[in-house]
Amino acid sequence: MQRVLEPELMDDPEQSRAYAKADFEEENRGFVERFLECFPDIKAGHVLDLGCGPADIPIRLARALPECRVTGVDGSAPMIALGVEAVRAAGLADRIALRCERIQETVLAERADAVISNSLLHHVPNALQFWYAVRQLAKPGAAVLVMDLLRPDSPEAAQAIVDRYAAAEPAILRRDFYNSLLAAFTDDEVAAQLTEMNLSRLLIDVPDDRHWIVGGRLV
C-alpha cells in the first residue's frame, strides 16, 4: 500500500481536545520507560521533544528525571495551548518550556542532550526534513528515541487495527488514527531514510503490530 498523506498540523481545536483526552497511557508510559532503560546515564540536561502534542510525554519525563529540562515543540497552536495548561497543572512550568512552531523552523540556543519524538514523522510530508532537524538540534553523542506508527499492508488492515485498539474512542479519533496509519512509514522506509541521512547507527525495532521505534546515539 502506498503512503497517503494527511494534514501536517492538527489545527482543529476539537481534534486536539479529542487527542488530549484519548487513552495513550500504555504508549506514552512505555515510551518514557524505554527512554529510561536505553539511556540510564541521562540524569540531567536538556531533552527536546519534537511533536510534543498536549505535553503528556514531557510531563512524564520531567517527573521521572527531576534534574532535566524539557522543551516541547509542536506546530499546532491548540495542542500547545492544551500542553501549557497540563504543564501548569502538573507544577512543572519551571522545567518544561513549550513552543508553537514547526520543526523546520526550530532553533535552539544550545543543542539538546537528547531528542525524542512520538508520532510526529507520519505528519511530515518529507521525512528527511524530520531527520535533518534531529541531527541539527542534537549534540554529538546525544540520545535519540523516536516512535511512530507502522503503515499496514492495506486499507483493510489499517481499519482492523483501528477496530482492535480504538473501538471505544470517539469517531473523530478513530478517523484520525486510520488516516495516520495510511500516512505512516514502514520500517524498511525508515531504514532507508536513516541511511540517506547518515544515521544508520540508530537501530530500528518493531515492538508490536502498529509501531516502529528508532533509538541510539548520534555520532
C-alpha atoms as a PDB file:
ATOM      1  CA  MET A   1       0.000   0.000   0.000  1.00  0.00           C
ATOM      2  CA  GLN A   2       1.324   3.427  -0.957  1.00  0.00           C
ATOM      3  CA  ARG A   3       1.575   6.178   1.639  1.00  0.00           C
ATOM      4  CA  VAL A   4      -1.406   8.573   1.752  1.00  0.00           C
ATOM      5  CA  LEU A   5      -0.518  11.988   3.184  1.00  0.00           C
ATOM      6  CA  GLU A   6      -2.638  13.580   5.900  1.00  0.00           C
ATOM      7  CA  PRO A   7      -2.582  17.215   7.128  1.00  0.00           C
ATOM      8  CA  GLU A   8       0.763  18.130   8.660  1.00  0.00           C
ATOM      9  CA  LEU A   9      -0.739  20.057  11.598  1.00  0.00           C
ATOM     10  CA  MET A  10      -3.627  19.219  13.935  1.00  0.00           C
ATOM     11  CA  ASP A  11      -5.068  22.751  13.991  1.00  0.00           C
ATOM     12  CA  ASP A  12      -8.687  21.843  14.720  1.00  0.00           C
ATOM     13  CA  PRO A  13      -9.394  22.556  18.429  1.00  0.00           C
ATOM     14  CA  GLU A  14     -11.952  19.725  18.592  1.00  0.00           C
ATOM     15  CA  GLN A  15      -9.466  17.314  17.070  1.00  0.00           C
ATOM     16  CA  SER A  16      -6.771  18.451  19.518  1.00  0.00           C
ATOM     17  CA  ARG A  17      -9.078  18.068  22.535  1.00  0.00           C
ATOM     18  CA  ALA A  18     -10.076  14.569  21.411  1.00  0.00           C
ATOM     19  CA  TYR A  19      -6.403  13.618  21.103  1.00  0.00           C
ATOM     20  CA  ALA A  20      -5.573  15.067  24.518  1.00  0.00           C
ATOM     21  CA  LYS A  21      -8.427  13.135  26.153  1.00  0.00           C
ATOM     22  CA  ALA A  22      -7.615   9.835  24.428  1.00  0.00           C
ATOM     23  CA  ASP A  23      -6.098   6.971  26.377  1.00  0.00           C
ATOM     24  CA  PHE A  24      -2.435   6.851  25.352  1.00  0.00           C
ATOM     25  CA  GLU A  25      -1.330   5.705  28.810  1.00  0.00           C
ATOM     26  CA  GLU A  26       0.231   2.464  27.582  1.00  0.00           C
ATOM     27  CA  GLU A  27       2.074   4.040  24.641  1.00  0.00           C
ATOM     28  CA  ASN A  28       3.307   7.165  26.434  1.00  0.00           C
ATOM     29  CA  ARG A  29       4.296   5.401  29.646  1.00  0.00           C
ATOM     30  CA  GLY A  30       6.054   2.716  27.608  1.00  0.00           C
ATOM     31  CA  PHE A  31       7.895   5.343  25.564  1.00  0.00           C
ATOM     32  CA  VAL A  32       9.246   7.081  28.660  1.00  0.00           C
ATOM     33  CA  GLU A  33      10.173   3.757  30.285  1.00  0.00           C
ATOM     34  CA  ARG A  34      12.058   2.763  27.137  1.00  0.00           C
ATOM     35  CA  PHE A  35      13.962   6.053  27.181  1.00  0.00           C
ATOM     36  CA  LEU A  36      14.979   5.478  30.806  1.00  0.00           C
ATOM     37  CA  GLU A  37      16.046   1.901  30.047  1.00  0.00           C
ATOM     38  CA  CYS A  38      18.011   2.794  26.907  1.00  0.00           C
ATOM     39  CA  PHE A  39      19.786   5.803  28.403  1.00  0.00           C
ATOM     40  CA  PRO A  40      20.233   5.152  32.148  1.00  0.00           C
ATOM     41  CA  ASP A  41      23.182   7.574  32.260  1.00  0.00           C
ATOM     42  CA  ILE A  42      20.965  10.560  31.467  1.00  0.00           C
ATOM     43  CA  LYS A  43      20.040  12.110  34.802  1.00  0.00           C
ATOM     44  CA  ALA A  44      20.202  15.812  33.914  1.00  0.00           C
ATOM     45  CA  GLY A  45      20.434  18.074  30.880  1.00  0.00           C
ATOM     46  CA  HIS A  46      18.113  19.281  28.149  1.00  0.00           C
ATOM     47  CA  VAL A  47      15.648  16.980  26.368  1.00  0.00           C
ATOM     48  CA  LEU A  48      13.914  18.171  23.186  1.00  0.00           C
ATOM     49  CA  ASP A  49      10.531  16.650  22.283  1.00  0.00           C
ATOM     50  CA  LEU A  50       9.603  17.131  18.621  1.00  0.00           C
ATOM     51  CA  GLY A  51       5.839  16.999  18.107  1.00  0.00           C
ATOM     52  CA  CYS A  52       5.052  17.145  21.820  1.00  0.00           C
ATOM     53  CA  GLY A  53       1.278  17.466  21.375  1.00  0.00           C
ATOM     54  CA  PRO A  54      -0.518  18.181  24.664  1.00  0.00           C
ATOM     55  CA  ALA A  55       2.739  17.562  26.585  1.00  0.00           C
ATOM     56  CA  ASP A  56       1.928  14.247  28.240  1.00  0.00           C
ATOM     57  CA  ILE A  57       5.362  12.780  27.458  1.00  0.00           C
ATOM     58  CA  PRO A  58       7.305  15.901  28.563  1.00  0.00           C
ATOM     59  CA  ILE A  59       5.408  15.816  31.864  1.00  0.00           C
ATOM     60  CA  ARG A  60       6.091  12.110  32.381  1.00  0.00           C
ATOM     61  CA  LEU A  61       9.765  12.533  31.521  1.00  0.00           C
ATOM     62  CA  ALA A  62      10.218  15.582  33.755  1.00  0.00           C
ATOM     63  CA  ARG A  63       8.703  13.689  36.670  1.00  0.00           C
ATOM     64  CA  ALA A  64      10.975  10.704  36.047  1.00  0.00           C
ATOM     65  CA  LEU A  65      14.098  12.873  35.661  1.00  0.00           C
ATOM     66  CA  PRO A  66      13.768  15.751  38.146  1.00  0.00           C
ATOM     67  CA  GLU A  67      17.105  17.290  37.128  1.00  0.00           C
ATOM     68  CA  CYS A  68      16.217  17.501  33.414  1.00  0.00           C
ATOM     69  CA  ARG A  69      14.754  20.388  31.461  1.00  0.00           C
ATOM     70  CA  VAL A  70      12.365  19.589  28.616  1.00  0.00           C
ATOM     71  CA  THR A  71      11.486  21.698  25.593  1.00  0.00           C
ATOM     72  CA  GLY A  72       8.419  20.608  23.661  1.00  0.00           C
ATOM     73  CA  VAL A  73       7.858  21.779  20.088  1.00  0.00           C
ATOM     74  CA  ASP A  74       4.600  21.428  18.156  1.00  0.00           C
ATOM     75  CA  GLY A  75       3.215  23.310  15.175  1.00  0.00           C
ATOM     76  CA  SER A  76      -0.386  23.131  16.396  1.00  0.00           C
ATOM     77  CA  ALA A  77      -1.480  26.136  18.473  1.00  0.00           C
ATOM     78  CA  PRO A  78      -4.445  24.244  20.025  1.00  0.00           C
ATOM     79  CA  MET A  79      -2.112  21.399  21.059  1.00  0.00           C
ATOM     80  CA  ILE A  80       0.364  23.789  22.637  1.00  0.00           C
ATOM     81  CA  ALA A  81      -2.440  25.581  24.487  1.00  0.00           C
ATOM     82  CA  LEU A  82      -3.598  22.265  25.961  1.00  0.00           C
ATOM     83  CA  GLY A  83       0.002  21.408  26.802  1.00  0.00           C
ATOM     84  CA  VAL A  84       0.580  24.691  28.625  1.00  0.00           C
ATOM     85  CA  GLU A  85      -2.491  24.027  30.767  1.00  0.00           C
ATOM     86  CA  ALA A  86      -1.286  20.498  31.555  1.00  0.00           C
ATOM     87  CA  VAL A  87       2.243  21.648  32.432  1.00  0.00           C
ATOM     88  CA  ARG A  88       0.912  24.324  34.769  1.00  0.00           C
ATOM     89  CA  ALA A  89      -1.460  21.867  36.422  1.00  0.00           C
ATOM     90  CA  ALA A  90       1.459  19.480  36.945  1.00  0.00           C
ATOM     91  CA  GLY A  91       3.507  22.239  38.583  1.00  0.00           C
ATOM     92  CA  LEU A  92       6.331  21.821  36.058  1.00  0.00           C
ATOM     93  CA  ALA A  93       6.348  25.168  34.266  1.00  0.00           C
ATOM     94  CA  ASP A  94       9.822  25.884  35.659  1.00  0.00           C
ATOM     95  CA  ARG A  95      11.320  22.873  33.819  1.00  0.00           C
ATOM     96  CA  ILE A  96       9.099  22.382  30.762  1.00  0.00           C
ATOM     97  CA  ALA A  97       9.007  25.003  28.005  1.00  0.00           C
ATOM     98  CA  LEU A  98       6.556  24.607  25.112  1.00  0.00           C
ATOM     99  CA  ARG A  99       6.984  26.291  21.741  1.00  0.00           C
ATOM    100  CA  CYS A 100       4.426  26.567  18.935  1.00  0.00           C
ATOM    101  CA  GLU A 101       6.488  26.182  15.783  1.00  0.00           C
ATOM    102  CA  ARG A 102       7.246  23.729  13.022  1.00  0.00           C
ATOM    103  CA  ILE A 103      10.352  21.621  13.432  1.00  0.00           C
ATOM    104  CA  GLN A 104      11.760  23.084  10.221  1.00  0.00           C
ATOM    105  CA  GLU A 105      11.792  26.493  11.965  1.00  0.00           C
ATOM    106  CA  THR A 106      13.125  25.379  15.352  1.00  0.00           C
ATOM    107  CA  VAL A 107      16.405  26.872  16.520  1.00  0.00           C
ATOM    108  CA  LEU A 108      17.974  26.253  19.940  1.00  0.00           C
ATOM    109  CA  ALA A 109      20.464  28.464  21.747  1.00  0.00           C
ATOM    110  CA  GLU A 110      22.361  25.262  22.554  1.00  0.00           C
ATOM    111  CA  ARG A 111      21.900  21.820  21.054  1.00  0.00           C
ATOM    112  CA  ALA A 112      19.942  19.285  23.119  1.00  0.00           C
ATOM    113  CA  ASP A 113      21.407  16.409  25.116  1.00  0.00           C
ATOM    114  CA  ALA A 114      18.577  14.174  23.901  1.00  0.00           C
ATOM    115  CA  VAL A 115      15.907  14.332  21.200  1.00  0.00           C
ATOM    116  CA  ILE A 116      12.679  12.388  21.471  1.00  0.00           C
ATOM    117  CA  SER A 117       9.593  12.196  19.283  1.00  0.00           C
ATOM    118  CA  ASN A 118       6.414  10.162  19.367  1.00  0.00           C
ATOM    119  CA  SER A 119       4.005  10.079  16.416  1.00  0.00           C
ATOM    120  CA  LEU A 120       5.242  13.118  14.521  1.00  0.00           C
ATOM    121  CA  LEU A 121       7.008  11.668  11.496  1.00  0.00           C
ATOM    122  CA  HIS A 122       3.845  10.449   9.762  1.00  0.00           C
ATOM    123  CA  HIS A 123       2.582  14.060   9.724  1.00  0.00           C
ATOM    124  CA  VAL A 124       5.673  15.321   7.870  1.00  0.00           C
ATOM    125  CA  PRO A 125       5.401  15.250   4.056  1.00  0.00           C
ATOM    126  CA  ASN A 126       9.177  14.939   3.601  1.00  0.00           C
ATOM    127  CA  ALA A 127      10.616  12.562   6.194  1.00  0.00           C
ATOM    128  CA  LEU A 128      14.180  13.734   5.552  1.00  0.00           C
ATOM    129  CA  GLN A 129      13.245  17.151   6.984  1.00  0.00           C
ATOM    130  CA  PHE A 130      12.460  15.431  10.268  1.00  0.00           C
ATOM    131  CA  TRP A 131      15.735  13.519  10.440  1.00  0.00           C
ATOM    132  CA  TYR A 132      17.657  16.630   9.394  1.00  0.00           C
ATOM    133  CA  ALA A 133      16.060  18.505  12.323  1.00  0.00           C
ATOM    134  CA  VAL A 134      17.093  15.701  14.692  1.00  0.00           C
ATOM    135  CA  ARG A 135      20.705  15.991  13.536  1.00  0.00           C
ATOM    136  CA  GLN A 136      20.768  19.792  13.650  1.00  0.00           C
ATOM    137  CA  LEU A 137      19.133  20.179  17.063  1.00  0.00           C
ATOM    138  CA  ALA A 138      21.038  17.481  18.973  1.00  0.00           C
ATOM    139  CA  LYS A 139      24.596  17.491  20.274  1.00  0.00           C
ATOM    140  CA  PRO A 140      27.116  14.924  19.014  1.00  0.00           C
ATOM    141  CA  GLY A 141      26.595  11.848  21.141  1.00  0.00           C
ATOM    142  CA  ALA A 142      23.050  12.888  22.025  1.00  0.00           C
ATOM    143  CA  ALA A 143      20.451  10.246  22.821  1.00  0.00           C
ATOM    144  CA  VAL A 144      17.708   9.779  20.228  1.00  0.00           C
ATOM    145  CA  LEU A 145      14.420   7.930  20.676  1.00  0.00           C
ATOM    146  CA  VAL A 146      11.718   8.159  18.017  1.00  0.00           C
ATOM    147  CA  MET A 147       8.488   6.160  17.854  1.00  0.00           C
ATOM    148  CA  ASP A 148       5.790   6.278  15.226  1.00  0.00           C
ATOM    149  CA  LEU A 149       3.089   4.263  13.556  1.00  0.00           C
ATOM    150  CA  LEU A 150       3.848   1.412  11.169  1.00  0.00           C
ATOM    151  CA  ARG A 151       1.965   1.524   7.861  1.00  0.00           C
ATOM    152  CA  PRO A 152      -0.101  -1.653   7.328  1.00  0.00           C
ATOM    153  CA  ASP A 153      -0.217  -3.594   4.076  1.00  0.00           C
ATOM    154  CA  SER A 154      -3.704  -2.444   3.073  1.00  0.00           C
ATOM    155  CA  PRO A 155      -6.568  -0.092   3.994  1.00  0.00           C
ATOM    156  CA  GLU A 156      -8.427  -3.123   5.321  1.00  0.00           C
ATOM    157  CA  ALA A 157      -5.529  -3.976   7.639  1.00  0.00           C
ATOM    158  CA  ALA A 158      -5.459  -0.361   8.821  1.00  0.00           C
ATOM    159  CA  GLN A 159      -9.168  -0.473   9.629  1.00  0.00           C
ATOM    160  CA  ALA A 160      -8.685  -3.733  11.523  1.00  0.00           C
ATOM    161  CA  ILE A 161      -6.030  -2.084  13.704  1.00  0.00           C
ATOM    162  CA  VAL A 162      -8.351   0.852  14.398  1.00  0.00           C
ATOM    163  CA  ASP A 163     -11.140  -1.562  15.358  1.00  0.00           C
ATOM    164  CA  ARG A 164      -8.799  -3.552  17.590  1.00  0.00           C
ATOM    165  CA  TYR A 165      -7.245  -0.694  19.533  1.00  0.00           C
ATOM    166  CA  ALA A 166      -9.632   2.262  19.283  1.00  0.00           C
ATOM    167  CA  ALA A 167     -13.115   0.760  19.262  1.00  0.00           C
ATOM    168  CA  ALA A 168     -14.218   2.805  22.271  1.00  0.00           C
ATOM    169  CA  GLU A 169     -12.720   6.115  21.120  1.00  0.00           C
ATOM    170  CA  PRO A 170     -14.736   8.986  19.576  1.00  0.00           C
ATOM    171  CA  ALA A 171     -15.364   8.876  15.830  1.00  0.00           C
ATOM    172  CA  ILE A 172     -13.014  11.821  15.196  1.00  0.00           C
ATOM    173  CA  LEU A 173     -10.144   9.971  16.875  1.00  0.00           C
ATOM    174  CA  ARG A 174     -10.890   6.735  15.029  1.00  0.00           C
ATOM    175  CA  ARG A 175     -10.840   8.659  11.760  1.00  0.00           C
ATOM    176  CA  ASP A 176      -7.532  10.316  12.617  1.00  0.00           C
ATOM    177  CA  PHE A 177      -5.982   7.003  13.696  1.00  0.00           C
ATOM    178  CA  TYR A 178      -6.971   5.399  10.395  1.00  0.00           C
ATOM    179  CA  ASN A 179      -5.608   8.325   8.356  1.00  0.00           C
ATOM    180  CA  SER A 180      -2.400   8.315  10.401  1.00  0.00           C
ATOM    181  CA  LEU A 181      -1.839   4.628   9.695  1.00  0.00           C
ATOM    182  CA  LEU A 182      -2.171   5.316   5.973  1.00  0.00           C
ATOM    183  CA  ALA A 183       0.296   8.220   6.262  1.00  0.00           C
ATOM    184  CA  ALA A 184       2.847   6.253   8.280  1.00  0.00           C
ATOM    185  CA  PHE A 185       6.100   4.726   7.057  1.00  0.00           C
ATOM    186  CA  THR A 186       7.207   1.103   7.005  1.00  0.00           C
ATOM    187  CA  ASP A 187      10.313   0.062   8.904  1.00  0.00           C
ATOM    188  CA  ASP A 188      12.120  -0.508   5.596  1.00  0.00           C
ATOM    189  CA  GLU A 189      11.347   3.056   4.515  1.00  0.00           C
ATOM    190  CA  VAL A 190      12.620   4.406   7.825  1.00  0.00           C
ATOM    191  CA  ALA A 191      15.811   2.366   7.462  1.00  0.00           C
ATOM    192  CA  ALA A 192      16.356   3.918   4.024  1.00  0.00           C
ATOM    193  CA  GLN A 193      15.796   7.397   5.462  1.00  0.00           C
ATOM    194  CA  LEU A 194      18.365   6.815   8.177  1.00  0.00           C
ATOM    195  CA  THR A 195      20.899   5.547   5.659  1.00  0.00           C
ATOM    196  CA  GLU A 196      20.380   8.580   3.418  1.00  0.00           C
ATOM    197  CA  MET A 197      20.867  10.949   6.382  1.00  0.00           C
ATOM    198  CA  ASN A 198      23.952   9.067   7.632  1.00  0.00           C
ATOM    199  CA  LEU A 199      22.075   7.997  10.745  1.00  0.00           C
ATOM    200  CA  SER A 200      22.299   4.257  10.217  1.00  0.00           C
ATOM    201  CA  ARG A 201      23.896   3.761  13.650  1.00  0.00           C
ATOM    202  CA  LEU A 202      20.439   4.343  15.072  1.00  0.00           C
ATOM    203  CA  LEU A 203      18.680   0.993  15.414  1.00  0.00           C
ATOM    204  CA  ILE A 204      15.118   0.130  14.383  1.00  0.00           C
ATOM    205  CA  ASP A 205      12.796  -2.086  16.404  1.00  0.00           C
ATOM    206  CA  VAL A 206       9.207  -3.139  15.643  1.00  0.00           C
ATOM    207  CA  PRO A 207       7.740  -3.856  19.089  1.00  0.00           C
ATOM    208  CA  ASP A 208       4.140  -4.568  18.028  1.00  0.00           C
ATOM    209  CA  ASP A 209       1.757  -4.564  15.079  1.00  0.00           C
ATOM    210  CA  ARG A 210       1.395  -0.779  14.816  1.00  0.00           C
ATOM    211  CA  HIS A 211       4.657   0.899  15.860  1.00  0.00           C
ATOM    212  CA  TRP A 212       8.330   1.146  14.976  1.00  0.00           C
ATOM    213  CA  ILE A 213      10.982   2.633  17.268  1.00  0.00           C
ATOM    214  CA  VAL A 214      14.374   4.109  16.381  1.00  0.00           C
ATOM    215  CA  GLY A 215      16.917   4.576  19.137  1.00  0.00           C
ATOM    216  CA  GLY A 216      20.588   5.169  19.767  1.00  0.00           C
ATOM    217  CA  ARG A 217      23.171   7.931  19.979  1.00  0.00           C
ATOM    218  CA  LEU A 218      24.336  10.347  17.338  1.00  0.00           C
ATOM    219  CA  VAL A 219      27.936  10.234  16.194  1.00  0.00           C
END
